[in-house]
Amino acid sequence: MWHIPDTTENRVRFKLEPLANSLPSAEGIVQIEKFKQWLRSKRYSESTIDT
């Protein structure tokens, strides 16, 4: 396995999608927040929720 910096140049070189397109959609962000609230309701620690 190889690790390289996540830069625009490397994304072009290895034909990966641009970083801007890999962010969660608005609906995805809402779902993540719902899941975080569910974790809080189950009394998970904040460090676990952040992870």
N, C-alpha and C. Protein backbone atom coordinates (compact mmCIF):
# COMPACT_ATOMS: atom_id res chain seq x y z
N MET A 1 0.84 -1.16 0.00
CA MET A 1 0.00 0.00 0.00
C MET A 1 0.89 1.23 0.00
N TRP A 2 0.49 2.23 -0.76
CA TRP A 2 1.21 3.48 -0.84
C TRP A 2 0.35 4.60 -0.27
N HIS A 3 0.99 5.55 0.34
CA HIS A 3 0.31 6.73 0.85
C HIS A 3 0.94 7.95 0.19
N ILE A 4 0.10 8.81 -0.35
CA ILE A 4 0.58 10.06 -0.95
C ILE A 4 -0.27 11.21 -0.42
N PRO A 5 0.25 12.44 -0.46
CA PRO A 5 -0.54 13.59 0.01
C PRO A 5 -1.79 13.78 -0.86
N ASP A 6 -2.86 14.19 -0.21
CA ASP A 6 -4.12 14.44 -0.92
C ASP A 6 -4.09 15.86 -1.47
N THR A 7 -3.49 16.02 -2.65
CA THR A 7 -3.40 17.33 -3.29
C THR A 7 -4.14 17.29 -4.61
N THR A 8 -4.45 18.47 -5.12
CA THR A 8 -5.13 18.57 -6.42
C THR A 8 -4.28 17.93 -7.51
N GLU A 9 -2.98 18.18 -7.47
CA GLU A 9 -2.08 17.62 -8.48
C GLU A 9 -2.12 16.09 -8.47
N ASN A 10 -2.08 15.49 -7.28
CA ASN A 10 -2.12 14.03 -7.20
C ASN A 10 -3.48 13.48 -7.62
N ARG A 11 -4.55 14.21 -7.34
CA ARG A 11 -5.87 13.76 -7.76
C ARG A 11 -5.98 13.74 -9.28
N VAL A 12 -5.38 14.73 -9.94
CA VAL A 12 -5.38 14.76 -11.41
C VAL A 12 -4.50 13.64 -11.93
N ARG A 13 -3.33 13.49 -11.37
CA ARG A 13 -2.36 12.49 -11.83
C ARG A 13 -2.94 11.07 -11.76
N PHE A 14 -3.66 10.76 -10.68
CA PHE A 14 -4.19 9.41 -10.50
C PHE A 14 -5.67 9.30 -10.85
N LYS A 15 -6.18 10.33 -11.53
CA LYS A 15 -7.55 10.34 -12.06
C LYS A 15 -8.60 10.07 -10.97
N LEU A 16 -8.45 10.77 -9.85
CA LEU A 16 -9.42 10.70 -8.76
C LEU A 16 -10.35 11.89 -8.87
N GLU A 17 -11.55 11.76 -8.34
CA GLU A 17 -12.48 12.88 -8.41
C GLU A 17 -11.99 14.03 -7.56
N PRO A 18 -12.34 15.25 -7.94
CA PRO A 18 -11.91 16.43 -7.16
C PRO A 18 -12.41 16.35 -5.72
N LEU A 19 -11.66 16.94 -4.84
CA LEU A 19 -12.00 16.91 -3.41
C LEU A 19 -13.36 17.53 -3.14
N ALA A 20 -13.73 18.58 -3.84
CA ALA A 20 -15.01 19.25 -3.61
C ALA A 20 -16.19 18.31 -3.82
N ASN A 21 -16.08 17.37 -4.72
CA ASN A 21 -17.17 16.43 -4.99
C ASN A 21 -17.24 15.29 -3.99
N SER A 22 -16.24 15.15 -3.16
CA SER A 22 -16.24 14.04 -2.22
C SER A 22 -16.81 14.42 -0.85
N LEU A 23 -17.23 15.66 -0.69
CA LEU A 23 -17.84 16.09 0.57
C LEU A 23 -19.28 15.59 0.64
N PRO A 24 -19.80 15.36 1.85
CA PRO A 24 -21.17 14.88 1.96
C PRO A 24 -22.18 15.92 1.45
N SER A 25 -23.27 15.44 0.92
CA SER A 25 -24.34 16.32 0.46
C SER A 25 -25.05 16.92 1.67
N ALA A 26 -25.94 17.85 1.41
CA ALA A 26 -26.71 18.46 2.50
C ALA A 26 -27.52 17.40 3.24
N GLU A 27 -28.10 16.47 2.48
CA GLU A 27 -28.87 15.39 3.11
C GLU A 27 -27.96 14.49 3.95
N GLY A 28 -26.75 14.25 3.46
CA GLY A 28 -25.79 13.44 4.20
C GLY A 28 -25.42 14.08 5.52
N ILE A 29 -25.24 15.38 5.50
CA ILE A 29 -24.89 16.10 6.73
C ILE A 29 -26.02 16.00 7.74
N VAL A 30 -27.27 16.12 7.27
CA VAL A 30 -28.43 15.99 8.15
C VAL A 30 -28.47 14.59 8.77
N GLN A 31 -28.19 13.56 7.97
CA GLN A 31 -28.20 12.19 8.48
C GLN A 31 -27.10 11.97 9.51
N ILE A 32 -25.94 12.57 9.28
CA ILE A 32 -24.84 12.46 10.25
C ILE A 32 -25.24 13.11 11.56
N GLU A 33 -25.88 14.27 11.51
CA GLU A 33 -26.32 14.95 12.73
C GLU A 33 -27.36 14.11 13.48
N LYS A 34 -28.27 13.48 12.74
CA LYS A 34 -29.27 12.61 13.38
C LYS A 34 -28.59 11.44 14.09
N PHE A 35 -27.58 10.87 13.43
CA PHE A 35 -26.87 9.75 14.03
C PHE A 35 -26.11 10.20 15.28
N LYS A 36 -25.51 11.40 15.24
CA LYS A 36 -24.83 11.92 16.41
C LYS A 36 -25.80 12.12 17.57
N GLN A 37 -27.01 12.61 17.27
CA GLN A 37 -28.02 12.78 18.32
C GLN A 37 -28.43 11.42 18.90
N TRP A 38 -28.54 10.40 18.04
CA TRP A 38 -28.88 9.07 18.51
C TRP A 38 -27.79 8.54 19.45
N LEU A 39 -26.51 8.77 19.06
CA LEU A 39 -25.41 8.34 19.93
C LEU A 39 -25.47 9.05 21.28
N ARG A 40 -25.79 10.34 21.26
CA ARG A 40 -25.92 11.08 22.53
C ARG A 40 -27.06 10.52 23.37
N SER A 41 -28.16 10.14 22.72
CA SER A 41 -29.30 9.60 23.47
C SER A 41 -28.95 8.25 24.12
N LYS A 42 -27.98 7.56 23.54
CA LYS A 42 -27.52 6.28 24.11
C LYS A 42 -26.38 6.50 25.10
N ARG A 43 -26.06 7.79 25.35
CA ARG A 43 -25.08 8.21 26.33
C ARG A 43 -23.64 7.80 25.99
N TYR A 44 -23.33 7.82 24.68
CA TYR A 44 -21.95 7.61 24.26
C TYR A 44 -21.14 8.86 24.60
N SER A 45 -19.86 8.70 24.84
CA SER A 45 -19.03 9.84 25.18
C SER A 45 -18.81 10.73 23.95
N GLU A 46 -18.51 12.01 24.21
CA GLU A 46 -18.29 12.95 23.11
C GLU A 46 -17.09 12.54 22.27
N SER A 47 -16.08 11.95 22.89
CA SER A 47 -14.91 11.54 22.10
C SER A 47 -15.29 10.40 21.14
N THR A 48 -16.17 9.52 21.56
CA THR A 48 -16.64 8.47 20.69
C THR A 48 -17.47 9.05 19.55
N ILE A 49 -18.33 10.00 19.87
CA ILE A 49 -19.16 10.64 18.85
C ILE A 49 -18.29 11.37 17.84
N ASP A 50 -17.26 12.08 18.31
CA ASP A 50 -16.38 12.80 17.40
C ASP A 50 -15.65 11.83 16.46
N THR A 51 -15.28 10.69 16.99
CA THR A 51 -14.58 9.70 16.17
C THR A 51 -15.51 9.16 15.12
